[in-house]
Amino acid sequence: MRYQRVAQRLGQRLFHAGAGVLLGGIALGVAMPASAACQIQAMRYDYPAQRLDQALQQFAHTSGCPVEVDDALAEEHQARALAGRFTPEAALIQLVRGSGLEVHLDNDHYRINQSDRERINDLVKTFRYRIESALDGDQLSQNDARALNTQLDAIEAQSDQLITEQGFLSAAEKASYERLFAWLEGRLAPGNL
């Protein structure tokens, strides 16, 4: 119920299986049948390619697992066809793969967003600004600035490719990017320029 209120404030929708409908507001107080609980075992899915919001509604109905997603993201993307036996997490990932969206699971709560991509892009922009400032202040050579910007280009391109291909960034991939950003932070620290 708390997620529904949060989703409403953020302009998001929560696809919920309880009534088999799209819930976009505060909790309606509808009792959920026991069979509507999120099933973690593999089950059969057979969905055609369709709009993402429609696929998410079907997914919530089939699996019993609610999914939180921003309205604008759901409306502008297509879901892939899905056929076979999948766990809910694997099914959801299959639906969004190729879209550039990310599936997140936090304490049995599914979210689809672009939070990892946005975080990485924000850090890349911040570091580009810091590189430019250091270059303007003659604290960094052109060659060093080019080398650092090349690193940022690679981070941006690789993370985008992984998110698009996989539908998520793994914990190991996130840790790798965090190490690269920590290295950049150290490289641009005032004592190292």
C-alpha atoms as a PDB file:
ATOM      1  CA  MET A   1       0.000   0.000   0.000  1.00  0.00           C
ATOM      2  CA  ARG A   2       2.854   2.375   0.836  1.00  0.00           C
ATOM      3  CA  TYR A   3       4.318   1.850  -2.661  1.00  0.00           C
ATOM      4  CA  GLN A   4       1.022   2.880  -4.243  1.00  0.00           C
ATOM      5  CA  ARG A   5       1.082   6.220  -2.402  1.00  0.00           C
ATOM      6  CA  VAL A   6       4.720   6.779  -3.364  1.00  0.00           C
ATOM      7  CA  ALA A   7       3.955   5.849  -6.961  1.00  0.00           C
ATOM      8  CA  GLN A   8       1.076   8.323  -7.092  1.00  0.00           C
ATOM      9  CA  ARG A   9       3.251  11.176  -5.837  1.00  0.00           C
ATOM     10  CA  LEU A  10       5.916  10.372  -8.421  1.00  0.00           C
ATOM     11  CA  GLY A  11       3.508  10.149 -11.354  1.00  0.00           C
ATOM     12  CA  GLN A  12       4.011   6.429 -11.561  1.00  0.00           C
ATOM     13  CA  ARG A  13       1.644   3.548 -11.895  1.00  0.00           C
ATOM     14  CA  LEU A  14       1.590   0.358 -10.000  1.00  0.00           C
ATOM     15  CA  PHE A  15       0.433  -2.603 -12.025  1.00  0.00           C
ATOM     16  CA  HIS A  16      -1.251  -4.843  -9.515  1.00  0.00           C
ATOM     17  CA  ALA A  17      -2.746  -8.268  -9.948  1.00  0.00           C
ATOM     18  CA  GLY A  18      -5.377  -8.061  -7.218  1.00  0.00           C
ATOM     19  CA  ALA A  19      -8.165  -6.716  -9.365  1.00  0.00           C
ATOM     20  CA  GLY A  20      -6.346  -7.327 -12.639  1.00  0.00           C
ATOM     21  CA  VAL A  21      -6.445  -3.607 -13.332  1.00  0.00           C
ATOM     22  CA  LEU A  22      -4.102  -0.687 -13.424  1.00  0.00           C
ATOM     23  CA  LEU A  23      -4.008   1.124 -10.103  1.00  0.00           C
ATOM     24  CA  GLY A  24      -2.708   4.672 -10.288  1.00  0.00           C
ATOM     25  CA  GLY A  25      -3.809   6.170  -7.005  1.00  0.00           C
ATOM     26  CA  ILE A  26      -3.931   5.606  -3.305  1.00  0.00           C
ATOM     27  CA  ALA A  27      -4.645   2.114  -2.078  1.00  0.00           C
ATOM     28  CA  LEU A  28      -8.209   1.116  -2.748  1.00  0.00           C
ATOM     29  CA  GLY A  29      -8.498  -1.238   0.199  1.00  0.00           C
ATOM     30  CA  VAL A  30      -9.435  -4.179  -2.016  1.00  0.00           C
ATOM     31  CA  ALA A  31      -8.724  -7.497  -0.331  1.00  0.00           C
ATOM     32  CA  MET A  32      -6.281  -9.585  -2.301  1.00  0.00           C
ATOM     33  CA  PRO A  33      -7.129 -13.232  -2.887  1.00  0.00           C
ATOM     34  CA  ALA A  34      -4.472 -15.646  -1.641  1.00  0.00           C
ATOM     35  CA  SER A  35      -3.758 -16.739  -5.218  1.00  0.00           C
ATOM     36  CA  ALA A  36      -2.785 -13.181  -6.145  1.00  0.00           C
ATOM     37  CA  ALA A  37       0.386 -13.280  -4.040  1.00  0.00           C
ATOM     38  CA  CYS A  38       3.587 -12.844  -5.993  1.00  0.00           C
ATOM     39  CA  GLN A  39       4.672 -16.289  -7.174  1.00  0.00           C
ATOM     40  CA  ILE A  40       8.447 -16.734  -7.224  1.00  0.00           C
ATOM     41  CA  GLN A  41       8.511 -20.102  -8.978  1.00  0.00           C
ATOM     42  CA  ALA A  42       8.762 -20.416 -12.742  1.00  0.00           C
ATOM     43  CA  MET A  43       5.468 -20.268 -14.571  1.00  0.00           C
ATOM     44  CA  ARG A  44       4.292 -20.254 -18.160  1.00  0.00           C
ATOM     45  CA  TYR A  45       4.116 -16.946 -20.028  1.00  0.00           C
ATOM     46  CA  ASP A  46       2.841 -16.545 -23.571  1.00  0.00           C
ATOM     47  CA  TYR A  47       2.602 -12.869 -24.533  1.00  0.00           C
ATOM     48  CA  PRO A  48       2.810 -11.309 -27.991  1.00  0.00           C
ATOM     49  CA  ALA A  49       4.961  -8.243 -28.596  1.00  0.00           C
ATOM     50  CA  GLN A  50       2.855  -5.336 -27.367  1.00  0.00           C
ATOM     51  CA  ARG A  51       2.911  -2.000 -25.596  1.00  0.00           C
ATOM     52  CA  LEU A  52       4.886  -2.212 -22.381  1.00  0.00           C
ATOM     53  CA  ASP A  53       2.000  -1.039 -20.194  1.00  0.00           C
ATOM     54  CA  GLN A  54      -0.208  -3.832 -21.561  1.00  0.00           C
ATOM     55  CA  ALA A  55       2.515  -6.431 -21.041  1.00  0.00           C
ATOM     56  CA  LEU A  56       3.059  -5.252 -17.467  1.00  0.00           C
ATOM     57  CA  GLN A  57      -0.627  -5.568 -16.744  1.00  0.00           C
ATOM     58  CA  GLN A  58      -0.583  -9.133 -18.090  1.00  0.00           C
ATOM     59  CA  PHE A  59       2.580  -9.888 -16.131  1.00  0.00           C
ATOM     60  CA  ALA A  60       1.038  -8.635 -12.866  1.00  0.00           C
ATOM     61  CA  HIS A  61      -2.049 -10.733 -13.482  1.00  0.00           C
ATOM     62  CA  THR A  62      -0.100 -13.895 -14.346  1.00  0.00           C
ATOM     63  CA  SER A  63       2.576 -13.668 -11.646  1.00  0.00           C
ATOM     64  CA  GLY A  64       0.685 -11.833  -8.910  1.00  0.00           C
ATOM     65  CA  CYS A  65       3.676  -9.473  -8.649  1.00  0.00           C
ATOM     66  CA  PRO A  66       3.034  -5.711  -8.688  1.00  0.00           C
ATOM     67  CA  VAL A  67       5.326  -3.590 -10.849  1.00  0.00           C
ATOM     68  CA  GLU A  68       6.018   0.113 -10.316  1.00  0.00           C
ATOM     69  CA  VAL A  69       6.810   2.087 -13.469  1.00  0.00           C
ATOM     70  CA  ASP A  70       6.748   5.728 -14.565  1.00  0.00           C
ATOM     71  CA  ASP A  71       3.769   6.416 -16.853  1.00  0.00           C
ATOM     72  CA  ALA A  72       5.918   8.074 -19.511  1.00  0.00           C
ATOM     73  CA  LEU A  73       8.307   5.111 -19.685  1.00  0.00           C
ATOM     74  CA  ALA A  74       5.527   2.558 -20.031  1.00  0.00           C
ATOM     75  CA  GLU A  75       3.775   4.524 -22.759  1.00  0.00           C
ATOM     76  CA  GLU A  76       6.773   5.045 -25.001  1.00  0.00           C
ATOM     77  CA  HIS A  77       8.177   1.494 -25.087  1.00  0.00           C
ATOM     78  CA  GLN A  78       7.239  -1.815 -26.605  1.00  0.00           C
ATOM     79  CA  ALA A  79       7.599  -5.099 -24.762  1.00  0.00           C
ATOM     80  CA  ARG A  80       9.119  -8.069 -26.503  1.00  0.00           C
ATOM     81  CA  ALA A  81       7.149 -11.234 -27.099  1.00  0.00           C
ATOM     82  CA  LEU A  82       7.503 -13.652 -24.224  1.00  0.00           C
ATOM     83  CA  ALA A  83       6.948 -17.394 -24.482  1.00  0.00           C
ATOM     84  CA  GLY A  84       8.117 -20.102 -22.109  1.00  0.00           C
ATOM     85  CA  ARG A  85       8.598 -20.829 -18.432  1.00  0.00           C
ATOM     86  CA  PHE A  86      10.242 -18.069 -16.414  1.00  0.00           C
ATOM     87  CA  THR A  87      10.509 -16.866 -12.849  1.00  0.00           C
ATOM     88  CA  PRO A  88       8.791 -13.478 -12.474  1.00  0.00           C
ATOM     89  CA  GLU A  89      12.132 -11.665 -12.390  1.00  0.00           C
ATOM     90  CA  ALA A  90      13.369 -13.396 -15.559  1.00  0.00           C
ATOM     91  CA  ALA A  91      10.027 -12.795 -17.311  1.00  0.00           C
ATOM     92  CA  LEU A  92      10.095  -9.105 -16.471  1.00  0.00           C
ATOM     93  CA  ILE A  93      13.685  -8.779 -17.673  1.00  0.00           C
ATOM     94  CA  GLN A  94      12.754 -10.492 -20.944  1.00  0.00           C
ATOM     95  CA  LEU A  95       9.871  -8.048 -21.437  1.00  0.00           C
ATOM     96  CA  VAL A  96      12.099  -4.960 -21.127  1.00  0.00           C
ATOM     97  CA  ARG A  97      15.315  -6.209 -22.772  1.00  0.00           C
ATOM     98  CA  GLY A  98      16.223  -4.060 -25.742  1.00  0.00           C
ATOM     99  CA  SER A  99      14.172  -1.090 -24.519  1.00  0.00           C
ATOM    100  CA  GLY A 100      16.895   0.636 -22.514  1.00  0.00           C
ATOM    101  CA  LEU A 101      14.821   0.307 -19.353  1.00  0.00           C
ATOM    102  CA  GLU A 102      16.004  -1.416 -16.178  1.00  0.00           C
ATOM    103  CA  VAL A 103      14.316  -3.960 -13.936  1.00  0.00           C
ATOM    104  CA  HIS A 104      14.979  -3.560 -10.209  1.00  0.00           C
ATOM    105  CA  LEU A 105      13.887  -5.874  -7.416  1.00  0.00           C
ATOM    106  CA  ASP A 106      13.950  -4.475  -3.893  1.00  0.00           C
ATOM    107  CA  ASN A 107      12.421  -6.557  -1.104  1.00  0.00           C
ATOM    108  CA  ASP A 108       9.960  -8.378  -3.388  1.00  0.00           C
ATOM    109  CA  HIS A 109       8.975  -5.097  -5.064  1.00  0.00           C
ATOM    110  CA  TYR A 110       9.561  -4.784  -8.804  1.00  0.00           C
ATOM    111  CA  ARG A 111      10.359  -1.419 -10.359  1.00  0.00           C
ATOM    112  CA  ILE A 112      11.088  -0.491 -13.952  1.00  0.00           C
ATOM    113  CA  ASN A 113      12.981   2.748 -14.447  1.00  0.00           C
ATOM    114  CA  GLN A 114      16.264   4.184 -15.655  1.00  0.00           C
ATOM    115  CA  SER A 115      17.859   4.925 -12.287  1.00  0.00           C
ATOM    116  CA  ASP A 116      21.229   3.254 -12.973  1.00  0.00           C
ATOM    117  CA  ARG A 117      21.511   4.940 -16.370  1.00  0.00           C
ATOM    118  CA  GLU A 118      20.567   8.317 -14.874  1.00  0.00           C
ATOM    119  CA  ARG A 119      23.081   7.951 -12.023  1.00  0.00           C
ATOM    120  CA  ILE A 120      25.896   7.042 -14.405  1.00  0.00           C
ATOM    121  CA  ASN A 121      24.996   9.847 -16.827  1.00  0.00           C
ATOM    122  CA  ASP A 122      24.878  12.370 -13.966  1.00  0.00           C
ATOM    123  CA  LEU A 123      28.306  11.278 -12.746  1.00  0.00           C
ATOM    124  CA  VAL A 124      29.718  11.429 -16.267  1.00  0.00           C
ATOM    125  CA  LYS A 125      28.395  14.999 -16.690  1.00  0.00           C
ATOM    126  CA  THR A 126      29.854  16.003 -13.323  1.00  0.00           C
ATOM    127  CA  PHE A 127      33.266  14.604 -14.193  1.00  0.00           C
ATOM    128  CA  ARG A 128      33.206  16.224 -17.645  1.00  0.00           C
ATOM    129  CA  TYR A 129      32.527  19.568 -15.963  1.00  0.00           C
ATOM    130  CA  ARG A 130      35.375  19.008 -13.508  1.00  0.00           C
ATOM    131  CA  ILE A 131      37.744  18.048 -16.332  1.00  0.00           C
ATOM    132  CA  GLU A 132      36.783  21.172 -18.274  1.00  0.00           C
ATOM    133  CA  SER A 133      37.277  23.335 -15.182  1.00  0.00           C
ATOM    134  CA  ALA A 134      40.692  21.811 -14.491  1.00  0.00           C
ATOM    135  CA  LEU A 135      41.646  22.322 -18.142  1.00  0.00           C
ATOM    136  CA  ASP A 136      40.498  25.964 -18.068  1.00  0.00           C
ATOM    137  CA  GLY A 137      42.479  26.528 -14.867  1.00  0.00           C
ATOM    138  CA  ASP A 138      45.617  25.081 -16.453  1.00  0.00           C
ATOM    139  CA  GLN A 139      45.607  22.288 -13.868  1.00  0.00           C
ATOM    140  CA  LEU A 140      45.221  19.592 -16.513  1.00  0.00           C
ATOM    141  CA  SER A 141      46.906  19.155 -19.895  1.00  0.00           C
ATOM    142  CA  GLN A 142      44.954  18.705 -23.123  1.00  0.00           C
ATOM    143  CA  ASN A 143      46.268  15.142 -23.409  1.00  0.00           C
ATOM    144  CA  ASP A 144      45.210  14.255 -19.861  1.00  0.00           C
ATOM    145  CA  ALA A 145      41.775  15.829 -20.407  1.00  0.00           C
ATOM    146  CA  ARG A 146      41.358  13.835 -23.632  1.00  0.00           C
ATOM    147  CA  ALA A 147      42.363  10.598 -21.892  1.00  0.00           C
ATOM    148  CA  LEU A 148      39.904  11.191 -19.027  1.00  0.00           C
ATOM    149  CA  ASN A 149      37.096  12.098 -21.429  1.00  0.00           C
ATOM    150  CA  THR A 150      37.830   8.902 -23.383  1.00  0.00           C
ATOM    151  CA  GLN A 151      37.350   6.944 -20.140  1.00  0.00           C
ATOM    152  CA  LEU A 152      34.012   8.718 -19.608  1.00  0.00           C
ATOM    153  CA  ASP A 153      32.954   7.985 -23.200  1.00  0.00           C
ATOM    154  CA  ALA A 154      33.666   4.289 -22.606  1.00  0.00           C
ATOM    155  CA  ILE A 155      31.723   4.226 -19.321  1.00  0.00           C
ATOM    156  CA  GLU A 156      28.744   5.916 -20.958  1.00  0.00           C
ATOM    157  CA  ALA A 157      28.715   3.670 -24.020  1.00  0.00           C
ATOM    158  CA  GLN A 158      29.336   0.402 -22.179  1.00  0.00           C
ATOM    159  CA  SER A 159      26.761   1.007 -19.444  1.00  0.00           C
ATOM    160  CA  ASP A 160      24.158   2.020 -22.037  1.00  0.00           C
ATOM    161  CA  GLN A 161      24.864  -1.110 -24.077  1.00  0.00           C
ATOM    162  CA  LEU A 162      24.679  -3.401 -21.035  1.00  0.00           C
ATOM    163  CA  ILE A 163      21.411  -1.894 -19.806  1.00  0.00           C
ATOM    164  CA  THR A 164      19.838  -2.128 -23.249  1.00  0.00           C
ATOM    165  CA  GLU A 165      21.000  -5.708 -23.883  1.00  0.00           C
ATOM    166  CA  GLN A 166      20.356  -7.113 -20.401  1.00  0.00           C
ATOM    167  CA  GLY A 167      17.536  -5.002 -18.984  1.00  0.00           C
ATOM    168  CA  PHE A 168      19.611  -4.269 -15.851  1.00  0.00           C
ATOM    169  CA  LEU A 169      23.134  -3.675 -14.545  1.00  0.00           C
ATOM    170  CA  SER A 170      24.503  -6.447 -12.367  1.00  0.00           C
ATOM    171  CA  ALA A 171      25.992  -5.750  -8.939  1.00  0.00           C
ATOM    172  CA  ALA A 172      29.448  -6.578 -10.326  1.00  0.00           C
ATOM    173  CA  GLU A 173      29.010  -4.136 -13.223  1.00  0.00           C
ATOM    174  CA  LYS A 174      27.842  -1.393 -10.858  1.00  0.00           C
ATOM    175  CA  ALA A 175      30.842  -2.060  -8.593  1.00  0.00           C
ATOM    176  CA  SER A 176      33.182  -1.836 -11.585  1.00  0.00           C
ATOM    177  CA  TYR A 177      31.764   1.551 -12.579  1.00  0.00           C
ATOM    178  CA  GLU A 178      31.996   2.759  -8.985  1.00  0.00           C
ATOM    179  CA  ARG A 179      35.704   1.828  -8.972  1.00  0.00           C
ATOM    180  CA  LEU A 180      36.231   3.768 -12.216  1.00  0.00           C
ATOM    181  CA  PHE A 181      34.462   6.812 -10.780  1.00  0.00           C
ATOM    182  CA  ALA A 182      36.547   6.550  -7.592  1.00  0.00           C
ATOM    183  CA  TRP A 183      39.696   6.448  -9.737  1.00  0.00           C
ATOM    184  CA  LEU A 184      38.516   9.549 -11.630  1.00  0.00           C
ATOM    185  CA  GLU A 185      37.752  11.257  -8.321  1.00  0.00           C
ATOM    186  CA  GLY A 186      41.291  10.549  -7.135  1.00  0.00           C
ATOM    187  CA  ARG A 187      42.777  11.691 -10.433  1.00  0.00           C
ATOM    188  CA  LEU A 188      40.920  15.017 -10.249  1.00  0.00           C
ATOM    189  CA  ALA A 189      41.544  15.624  -6.548  1.00  0.00           C
ATOM    190  CA  PRO A 190      43.245  19.001  -5.952  1.00  0.00           C
ATOM    191  CA  GLY A 191      46.495  17.414  -4.746  1.00  0.00           C
ATOM    192  CA  ASN A 192      46.758  15.256  -7.865  1.00  0.00           C
ATOM    193  CA  LEU A 193      46.253  17.945 -10.491  1.00  0.00           C
END
